[in-house]
Amino acid sequence: MPSTAVSLAVDGIAIAGEFYFPHADVPHPAICICHGIPSGNPPDPTDGGYPALADSLCREGFAVFIFNFRGCRNSGGNFDIPGWSRDLNAAIDYLHTLPEVDSSRLALLGFSAGAAVSAFVAAHDKRVSCLALCACPAEFKFLSDSPQALIDHFRRIGIIRGTDFPASVDEWLDGFQLVKPIDHIAEIAPRPLLVVHGTKDEVVDISHARRLYRKAGKPKELSIIEGAGHRLRQDEQAMKIVMGWLKRSLR
């Protein structure tokens, strides 16, 4: 499907994205896809990644925006969760400027930490029409590990790049507490919410999905994918459920 490269400036950082749009001239419902924290593993050459997901959604008649949060791939900056929320705010601002987009029908589709940021942003931005959370943590349990070991890990995988970042470890860690979805999920209602999780998620235990669903207001749906792991983008059943839900919620 047709697409165009996009660069957004957020906090003086270049955020790289790509906008996919159907051929028809009428404004389309839009989906903004939010990725999770990179694994640091070599890319799988057989995996089309988020561009393949964006293309498949676009073929169903949606305008789709994918982008790299700060610190990831060809975007600038360093990994910072409150910063990620500002990146997403800028993406929503951008979509609202486009004549190809029906701004009254805008969904966020988030994965893992990107889902957590999506929940936080949607709770505070009523321009979001509906929200799909895949493998979303209710809170960030890994903060119980050694903070310096965590920062060293993120530096090794290349999402913390500055030698003097973070300036304050305590403030950087506090950002995860600010954004944790369990504190904000109730504010999504009355907009539609979908929570999708795999029973074999090796990163975020399925109990997180149940906690989020219990605290969320209506309308809400919970889809548990038997045997699925953390990478729900690569799970055909999960993406079929998400696609069907987006069609119902945005049309």
C-alpha atoms as a PDB file:
ATOM      1  CA  MET A   1       0.000   0.000   0.000  1.00  0.00           C
ATOM      2  CA  PRO A   2       1.149   3.611  -0.517  1.00  0.00           C
ATOM      3  CA  SER A   3       3.244   4.979   2.321  1.00  0.00           C
ATOM      4  CA  THR A   4       5.308   8.033   3.096  1.00  0.00           C
ATOM      5  CA  ALA A   5       8.221   8.555   5.461  1.00  0.00           C
ATOM      6  CA  VAL A   6       7.605  10.985   8.310  1.00  0.00           C
ATOM      7  CA  SER A   7       9.892  12.741  10.788  1.00  0.00           C
ATOM      8  CA  LEU A   8       8.454  14.341  13.920  1.00  0.00           C
ATOM      9  CA  ALA A   9      10.382  16.674  16.212  1.00  0.00           C
ATOM     10  CA  VAL A  10       9.711  15.963  19.900  1.00  0.00           C
ATOM     11  CA  ASP A  11      11.804  17.565  22.654  1.00  0.00           C
ATOM     12  CA  GLY A  12      14.378  18.340  19.981  1.00  0.00           C
ATOM     13  CA  ILE A  13      14.556  14.644  19.033  1.00  0.00           C
ATOM     14  CA  ALA A  14      13.832  13.309  15.540  1.00  0.00           C
ATOM     15  CA  ILE A  15      11.136  10.603  15.693  1.00  0.00           C
ATOM     16  CA  ALA A  16      11.018   8.493  12.532  1.00  0.00           C
ATOM     17  CA  GLY A  17       7.733   7.125  11.263  1.00  0.00           C
ATOM     18  CA  GLU A  18       5.818   5.938   8.234  1.00  0.00           C
ATOM     19  CA  PHE A  19       2.242   6.693   7.227  1.00  0.00           C
ATOM     20  CA  TYR A  20       0.260   4.128   5.220  1.00  0.00           C
ATOM     21  CA  PHE A  21      -2.940   5.162   3.464  1.00  0.00           C
ATOM     22  CA  PRO A  22      -5.536   3.465   1.246  1.00  0.00           C
ATOM     23  CA  HIS A  23      -5.982   4.636  -2.343  1.00  0.00           C
ATOM     24  CA  ALA A  24      -9.454   6.155  -1.876  1.00  0.00           C
ATOM     25  CA  ASP A  25      -9.601   9.913  -1.327  1.00  0.00           C
ATOM     26  CA  VAL A  26     -12.165   9.948   1.495  1.00  0.00           C
ATOM     27  CA  PRO A  27     -10.935  10.324   5.097  1.00  0.00           C
ATOM     28  CA  HIS A  28     -10.281   6.937   6.713  1.00  0.00           C
ATOM     29  CA  PRO A  29     -10.346   5.715  10.293  1.00  0.00           C
ATOM     30  CA  ALA A  30      -6.787   5.649  11.580  1.00  0.00           C
ATOM     31  CA  ILE A  31      -4.657   3.303  13.668  1.00  0.00           C
ATOM     32  CA  CYS A  32      -1.448   4.296  15.400  1.00  0.00           C
ATOM     33  CA  ILE A  33       0.745   1.280  16.211  1.00  0.00           C
ATOM     34  CA  CYS A  34       3.045   1.439  19.238  1.00  0.00           C
ATOM     35  CA  HIS A  35       5.908  -1.050  19.541  1.00  0.00           C
ATOM     36  CA  GLY A  36       7.457  -2.396  22.733  1.00  0.00           C
ATOM     37  CA  ILE A  37      10.988  -2.350  24.117  1.00  0.00           C
ATOM     38  CA  PRO A  38      13.359  -3.928  21.578  1.00  0.00           C
ATOM     39  CA  SER A  39      14.726  -7.324  22.555  1.00  0.00           C
ATOM     40  CA  GLY A  40      18.216  -6.596  21.292  1.00  0.00           C
ATOM     41  CA  ASN A  41      18.222  -9.882  19.348  1.00  0.00           C
ATOM     42  CA  PRO A  42      19.230  -9.937  15.665  1.00  0.00           C
ATOM     43  CA  PRO A  43      16.212  -9.324  13.404  1.00  0.00           C
ATOM     44  CA  ASP A  44      14.474 -12.324  11.899  1.00  0.00           C
ATOM     45  CA  PRO A  45      14.798 -11.970   8.106  1.00  0.00           C
ATOM     46  CA  THR A  46      11.479 -13.801   7.637  1.00  0.00           C
ATOM     47  CA  ASP A  47       9.582 -11.355   9.862  1.00  0.00           C
ATOM     48  CA  GLY A  48       8.056  -8.371   8.080  1.00  0.00           C
ATOM     49  CA  GLY A  49       7.833  -6.502  11.381  1.00  0.00           C
ATOM     50  CA  TYR A  50       5.508  -3.617  12.042  1.00  0.00           C
ATOM     51  CA  PRO A  51       5.538  -2.477   8.387  1.00  0.00           C
ATOM     52  CA  ALA A  52       3.899  -5.795   7.426  1.00  0.00           C
ATOM     53  CA  LEU A  53       1.238  -5.310  10.108  1.00  0.00           C
ATOM     54  CA  ALA A  54       0.663  -1.721   8.971  1.00  0.00           C
ATOM     55  CA  ASP A  55       0.307  -2.864   5.371  1.00  0.00           C
ATOM     56  CA  SER A  56      -2.237  -5.556   6.274  1.00  0.00           C
ATOM     57  CA  LEU A  57      -4.324  -3.086   8.289  1.00  0.00           C
ATOM     58  CA  CYS A  58      -4.122  -0.545   5.475  1.00  0.00           C
ATOM     59  CA  ARG A  59      -5.450  -3.136   3.015  1.00  0.00           C
ATOM     60  CA  GLU A  60      -8.554  -3.346   5.213  1.00  0.00           C
ATOM     61  CA  GLY A  61      -9.232   0.351   4.643  1.00  0.00           C
ATOM     62  CA  PHE A  62      -7.442   1.942   7.614  1.00  0.00           C
ATOM     63  CA  ALA A  63      -4.927   4.752   7.532  1.00  0.00           C
ATOM     64  CA  VAL A  64      -2.006   3.507   9.645  1.00  0.00           C
ATOM     65  CA  PHE A  65       0.919   5.233  11.324  1.00  0.00           C
ATOM     66  CA  ILE A  66       3.933   3.375  12.676  1.00  0.00           C
ATOM     67  CA  PHE A  67       6.911   5.063  14.290  1.00  0.00           C
ATOM     68  CA  ASN A  68       9.949   4.348  16.404  1.00  0.00           C
ATOM     69  CA  PHE A  69       9.898   5.686  19.942  1.00  0.00           C
ATOM     70  CA  ARG A  70      12.944   7.669  21.054  1.00  0.00           C
ATOM     71  CA  GLY A  71      16.003   5.499  21.521  1.00  0.00           C
ATOM     72  CA  CYS A  72      14.789   2.896  19.019  1.00  0.00           C
ATOM     73  CA  ARG A  73      16.070   2.123  15.538  1.00  0.00           C
ATOM     74  CA  ASN A  74      16.374   5.289  13.430  1.00  0.00           C
ATOM     75  CA  SER A  75      14.768   7.678  15.906  1.00  0.00           C
ATOM     76  CA  GLY A  76      17.063   9.793  18.057  1.00  0.00           C
ATOM     77  CA  GLY A  77      17.311  10.124  21.801  1.00  0.00           C
ATOM     78  CA  ASN A  78      17.365   7.659  24.683  1.00  0.00           C
ATOM     79  CA  PHE A  79      14.797   5.237  26.070  1.00  0.00           C
ATOM     80  CA  ASP A  80      12.586   7.086  28.540  1.00  0.00           C
ATOM     81  CA  ILE A  81       8.993   6.105  29.273  1.00  0.00           C
ATOM     82  CA  PRO A  82       7.543   9.605  29.876  1.00  0.00           C
ATOM     83  CA  GLY A  83       9.412  10.626  26.720  1.00  0.00           C
ATOM     84  CA  TRP A  84       7.685   7.791  24.885  1.00  0.00           C
ATOM     85  CA  SER A  85       4.330   9.234  25.953  1.00  0.00           C
ATOM     86  CA  ARG A  86       5.299  12.595  24.453  1.00  0.00           C
ATOM     87  CA  ASP A  87       6.354  10.849  21.246  1.00  0.00           C
ATOM     88  CA  LEU A  88       2.907   9.263  21.038  1.00  0.00           C
ATOM     89  CA  ASN A  89       1.196  12.590  21.736  1.00  0.00           C
ATOM     90  CA  ALA A  90       3.117  14.030  18.789  1.00  0.00           C
ATOM     91  CA  ALA A  91       2.034  11.114  16.588  1.00  0.00           C
ATOM     92  CA  ILE A  92      -1.612  11.802  17.468  1.00  0.00           C
ATOM     93  CA  ASP A  93      -1.103  15.505  16.752  1.00  0.00           C
ATOM     94  CA  TYR A  94       0.347  14.580  13.361  1.00  0.00           C
ATOM     95  CA  LEU A  95      -2.538  12.289  12.425  1.00  0.00           C
ATOM     96  CA  HIS A  96      -5.001  15.063  13.260  1.00  0.00           C
ATOM     97  CA  THR A  97      -3.404  17.271  10.593  1.00  0.00           C
ATOM     98  CA  LEU A  98      -3.919  14.815   7.732  1.00  0.00           C
ATOM     99  CA  PRO A  99      -6.831  15.132   5.296  1.00  0.00           C
ATOM    100  CA  GLU A 100      -6.621  11.361   4.692  1.00  0.00           C
ATOM    101  CA  VAL A 101      -7.565  10.721   8.339  1.00  0.00           C
ATOM    102  CA  ASP A 102     -10.999  10.818   9.932  1.00  0.00           C
ATOM    103  CA  SER A 103      -9.813  12.262  13.240  1.00  0.00           C
ATOM    104  CA  SER A 104     -13.050  11.244  14.977  1.00  0.00           C
ATOM    105  CA  ARG A 105     -12.037   7.591  14.523  1.00  0.00           C
ATOM    106  CA  LEU A 106      -8.513   7.082  15.851  1.00  0.00           C
ATOM    107  CA  ALA A 107      -7.351   3.863  17.513  1.00  0.00           C
ATOM    108  CA  LEU A 108      -4.154   3.056  19.362  1.00  0.00           C
ATOM    109  CA  LEU A 109      -2.772  -0.466  18.970  1.00  0.00           C
ATOM    110  CA  GLY A 110      -0.017  -1.051  21.504  1.00  0.00           C
ATOM    111  CA  PHE A 111       2.320  -3.935  22.228  1.00  0.00           C
ATOM    112  CA  SER A 112       4.019  -4.558  25.591  1.00  0.00           C
ATOM    113  CA  ALA A 113       5.638  -1.313  26.822  1.00  0.00           C
ATOM    114  CA  GLY A 114       4.071   0.451  23.828  1.00  0.00           C
ATOM    115  CA  ALA A 115       0.709  -0.775  25.088  1.00  0.00           C
ATOM    116  CA  ALA A 116       1.496   0.624  28.539  1.00  0.00           C
ATOM    117  CA  VAL A 117       2.277   4.031  27.050  1.00  0.00           C
ATOM    118  CA  SER A 118      -0.857   3.805  24.890  1.00  0.00           C
ATOM    119  CA  ALA A 119      -3.016   3.250  27.970  1.00  0.00           C
ATOM    120  CA  PHE A 120      -1.439   6.229  29.732  1.00  0.00           C
ATOM    121  CA  VAL A 121      -1.849   8.541  26.752  1.00  0.00           C
ATOM    122  CA  ALA A 122      -5.399   7.429  25.936  1.00  0.00           C
ATOM    123  CA  ALA A 123      -6.448   8.023  29.541  1.00  0.00           C
ATOM    124  CA  HIS A 124      -5.416  11.667  29.177  1.00  0.00           C
ATOM    125  CA  ASP A 125      -6.230  12.332  25.507  1.00  0.00           C
ATOM    126  CA  LYS A 126      -9.875  12.055  24.498  1.00  0.00           C
ATOM    127  CA  ARG A 127      -8.935  12.256  20.826  1.00  0.00           C
ATOM    128  CA  VAL A 128      -8.238   8.516  21.078  1.00  0.00           C
ATOM    129  CA  SER A 129     -11.439   6.731  20.057  1.00  0.00           C
ATOM    130  CA  CYS A 130     -10.538   3.208  21.159  1.00  0.00           C
ATOM    131  CA  LEU A 131      -7.593   1.234  22.455  1.00  0.00           C
ATOM    132  CA  ALA A 132      -6.210  -2.275  21.889  1.00  0.00           C
ATOM    133  CA  LEU A 133      -3.566  -3.512  24.342  1.00  0.00           C
ATOM    134  CA  CYS A 134      -1.479  -6.562  23.446  1.00  0.00           C
ATOM    135  CA  ALA A 135       0.707  -8.204  26.132  1.00  0.00           C
ATOM    136  CA  CYS A 136       0.406  -5.078  28.254  1.00  0.00           C
ATOM    137  CA  PRO A 137       2.029  -4.917  31.700  1.00  0.00           C
ATOM    138  CA  ALA A 138      -0.185  -3.603  34.487  1.00  0.00           C
ATOM    139  CA  GLU A 139       2.999  -2.202  36.009  1.00  0.00           C
ATOM    140  CA  PHE A 140       6.727  -2.528  35.400  1.00  0.00           C
ATOM    141  CA  LYS A 141       7.870  -5.416  37.578  1.00  0.00           C
ATOM    142  CA  PHE A 142      11.435  -5.358  36.263  1.00  0.00           C
ATOM    143  CA  LEU A 143      12.061  -2.216  38.309  1.00  0.00           C
ATOM    144  CA  SER A 144      12.691  -4.514  41.261  1.00  0.00           C
ATOM    145  CA  ASP A 145      15.965  -5.525  39.573  1.00  0.00           C
ATOM    146  CA  SER A 146      19.163  -3.541  40.021  1.00  0.00           C
ATOM    147  CA  PRO A 147      18.542  -0.155  38.345  1.00  0.00           C
ATOM    148  CA  GLN A 148      22.133   0.113  37.170  1.00  0.00           C
ATOM    149  CA  ALA A 149      22.028  -3.397  35.693  1.00  0.00           C
ATOM    150  CA  LEU A 150      18.837  -2.408  33.887  1.00  0.00           C
ATOM    151  CA  ILE A 151      20.423   0.733  32.471  1.00  0.00           C
ATOM    152  CA  ASP A 152      23.510  -1.237  31.457  1.00  0.00           C
ATOM    153  CA  HIS A 153      21.284  -3.734  29.623  1.00  0.00           C
ATOM    154  CA  PHE A 154      19.460  -0.976  27.747  1.00  0.00           C
ATOM    155  CA  ARG A 155      22.806   0.575  26.885  1.00  0.00           C
ATOM    156  CA  ARG A 156      24.070  -2.757  25.505  1.00  0.00           C
ATOM    157  CA  ILE A 157      21.051  -3.182  23.231  1.00  0.00           C
ATOM    158  CA  GLY A 158      21.406   0.395  22.012  1.00  0.00           C
ATOM    159  CA  ILE A 159      18.290   2.137  23.293  1.00  0.00           C
ATOM    160  CA  ILE A 160      20.229   4.192  25.837  1.00  0.00           C
ATOM    161  CA  ARG A 161      22.916   5.918  23.799  1.00  0.00           C
ATOM    162  CA  GLY A 162      24.050   8.949  25.775  1.00  0.00           C
ATOM    163  CA  THR A 163      26.976   8.342  28.101  1.00  0.00           C
ATOM    164  CA  ASP A 164      25.505  10.811  30.613  1.00  0.00           C
ATOM    165  CA  PHE A 165      21.927   9.479  30.386  1.00  0.00           C
ATOM    166  CA  PRO A 166      19.951   9.305  32.576  1.00  0.00           C
ATOM    167  CA  ALA A 167      21.054  12.387  34.470  1.00  0.00           C
ATOM    168  CA  SER A 168      19.129  11.089  37.493  1.00  0.00           C
ATOM    169  CA  VAL A 169      18.487   7.361  37.852  1.00  0.00           C
ATOM    170  CA  ASP A 170      15.770   8.015  40.442  1.00  0.00           C
ATOM    171  CA  GLU A 171      13.863  10.381  38.156  1.00  0.00           C
ATOM    172  CA  TRP A 172      14.212   7.949  35.247  1.00  0.00           C
ATOM    173  CA  LEU A 173      12.774   5.137  37.366  1.00  0.00           C
ATOM    174  CA  ASP A 174       9.971   7.388  38.650  1.00  0.00           C
ATOM    175  CA  GLY A 175       8.816   7.731  35.043  1.00  0.00           C
ATOM    176  CA  PHE A 176       7.801   4.067  34.999  1.00  0.00           C
ATOM    177  CA  GLN A 177       5.666   4.615  38.092  1.00  0.00           C
ATOM    178  CA  LEU A 178       4.005   7.626  36.471  1.00  0.00           C
ATOM    179  CA  VAL A 179       2.999   5.717  33.344  1.00  0.00           C
ATOM    180  CA  LYS A 180       1.985   2.315  34.801  1.00  0.00           C
ATOM    181  CA  PRO A 181      -1.329   1.324  33.194  1.00  0.00           C
ATOM    182  CA  ILE A 182      -3.080  -0.037  36.287  1.00  0.00           C
ATOM    183  CA  ASP A 183      -3.326   3.533  37.601  1.00  0.00           C
ATOM    184  CA  HIS A 184      -4.914   4.895  34.421  1.00  0.00           C
ATOM    185  CA  ILE A 185      -6.886   2.106  32.740  1.00  0.00           C
ATOM    186  CA  ALA A 186     -10.211   3.114  34.325  1.00  0.00           C
ATOM    187  CA  GLU A 187     -10.028   6.471  32.539  1.00  0.00           C
ATOM    188  CA  ILE A 188     -10.376   4.847  29.101  1.00  0.00           C
ATOM    189  CA  ALA A 189     -14.136   4.301  29.528  1.00  0.00           C
ATOM    190  CA  PRO A 190     -16.567   4.887  27.932  1.00  0.00           C
ATOM    191  CA  ARG A 191     -14.320   4.370  24.909  1.00  0.00           C
ATOM    192  CA  PRO A 192     -13.936   0.741  23.757  1.00  0.00           C
ATOM    193  CA  LEU A 193     -11.008  -1.253  25.161  1.00  0.00           C
ATOM    194  CA  LEU A 194      -9.555  -4.593  24.054  1.00  0.00           C
ATOM    195  CA  VAL A 195      -7.018  -6.491  26.170  1.00  0.00           C
ATOM    196  CA  VAL A 196      -5.229  -9.406  24.455  1.00  0.00           C
ATOM    197  CA  HIS A 197      -2.764 -11.708  26.210  1.00  0.00           C
ATOM    198  CA  GLY A 198      -1.194 -15.116  25.730  1.00  0.00           C
ATOM    199  CA  THR A 199      -1.285 -17.862  28.338  1.00  0.00           C
ATOM    200  CA  LYS A 200       2.401 -18.611  27.738  1.00  0.00           C
ATOM    201  CA  ASP A 201       3.677 -15.027  27.833  1.00  0.00           C
ATOM    202  CA  GLU A 202       7.251 -15.379  29.051  1.00  0.00           C
ATOM    203  CA  VAL A 203       7.741 -11.647  29.742  1.00  0.00           C
ATOM    204  CA  VAL A 204       4.460 -10.332  31.174  1.00  0.00           C
ATOM    205  CA  ASP A 205       2.434 -12.827  33.203  1.00  0.00           C
ATOM    206  CA  ILE A 206      -1.189 -13.261  32.184  1.00  0.00           C
ATOM    207  CA  SER A 207      -2.255 -11.986  35.612  1.00  0.00           C
ATOM    208  CA  HIS A 208      -1.425  -8.477  34.372  1.00  0.00           C
ATOM    209  CA  ALA A 209      -4.151  -8.730  31.709  1.00  0.00           C
ATOM    210  CA  ARG A 210      -6.723  -9.916  34.224  1.00  0.00           C
ATOM    211  CA  ARG A 211      -5.886  -7.063  36.609  1.00  0.00           C
ATOM    212  CA  LEU A 212      -6.197  -4.477  33.860  1.00  0.00           C
ATOM    213  CA  TYR A 213      -9.479  -5.927  32.646  1.00  0.00           C
ATOM    214  CA  ARG A 214     -10.981  -5.985  36.133  1.00  0.00           C
ATOM    215  CA  LYS A 215     -10.122  -2.338  36.753  1.00  0.00           C
ATOM    216  CA  ALA A 216     -11.187  -1.061  33.329  1.00  0.00           C
ATOM    217  CA  GLY A 217     -14.597   0.441  32.746  1.00  0.00           C
ATOM    218  CA  LYS A 218     -17.040  -0.639  30.049  1.00  0.00           C
ATOM    219  CA  PRO A 219     -17.172  -1.305  27.149  1.00  0.00           C
ATOM    220  CA  LYS A 220     -14.269  -3.756  27.374  1.00  0.00           C
ATOM    221  CA  GLU A 221     -13.216  -7.114  25.979  1.00  0.00           C
ATOM    222  CA  LEU A 222     -10.597  -9.606  27.152  1.00  0.00           C
ATOM    223  CA  SER A 223      -9.147 -12.159  24.727  1.00  0.00           C
ATOM    224  CA  ILE A 224      -6.877 -14.851  26.137  1.00  0.00           C
ATOM    225  CA  ILE A 225      -4.868 -16.671  23.461  1.00  0.00           C
ATOM    226  CA  GLU A 226      -4.141 -20.226  24.577  1.00  0.00           C
ATOM    227  CA  GLY A 227      -0.489 -21.131  24.127  1.00  0.00           C
ATOM    228  CA  ALA A 228       0.570 -17.719  22.805  1.00  0.00           C
ATOM    229  CA  GLY A 229       3.754 -16.032  24.018  1.00  0.00           C
ATOM    230  CA  HIS A 230       4.708 -12.398  24.389  1.00  0.00           C
ATOM    231  CA  ARG A 231       5.119 -11.489  20.722  1.00  0.00           C
ATOM    232  CA  LEU A 232       1.467 -11.285  19.826  1.00  0.00           C
ATOM    233  CA  ARG A 233       2.199  -9.336  16.648  1.00  0.00           C
ATOM    234  CA  GLN A 234       3.483 -12.630  15.251  1.00  0.00           C
ATOM    235  CA  ASP A 235       0.488 -14.652  16.458  1.00  0.00           C
ATOM    236  CA  GLU A 236      -2.071 -15.135  13.695  1.00  0.00           C
ATOM    237  CA  GLN A 237      -4.993 -15.763  16.046  1.00  0.00           C
ATOM    238  CA  ALA A 238      -4.241 -12.685  18.148  1.00  0.00           C
ATOM    239  CA  MET A 239      -3.986 -10.425  15.114  1.00  0.00           C
ATOM    240  CA  LYS A 240      -7.201 -11.838  13.663  1.00  0.00           C
ATOM    241  CA  ILE A 241      -8.985 -10.933  16.914  1.00  0.00           C
ATOM    242  CA  VAL A 242      -7.458  -7.447  16.912  1.00  0.00           C
ATOM    243  CA  MET A 243      -8.414  -6.879  13.275  1.00  0.00           C
ATOM    244  CA  GLY A 244     -12.035  -7.892  13.862  1.00  0.00           C
ATOM    245  CA  TRP A 245     -12.289  -5.714  16.956  1.00  0.00           C
ATOM    246  CA  LEU A 246     -10.823  -2.685  15.161  1.00  0.00           C
ATOM    247  CA  LYS A 247     -13.308  -3.091  12.335  1.00  0.00           C
ATOM    248  CA  ARG A 248     -16.214  -3.162  14.782  1.00  0.00           C
ATOM    249  CA  SER A 249     -14.915  -0.308  16.926  1.00  0.00           C
ATOM    250  CA  LEU A 250     -13.897   2.098  14.162  1.00  0.00           C
ATOM    251  CA  ARG A 251     -16.734   1.469  11.688  1.00  0.00           C
END
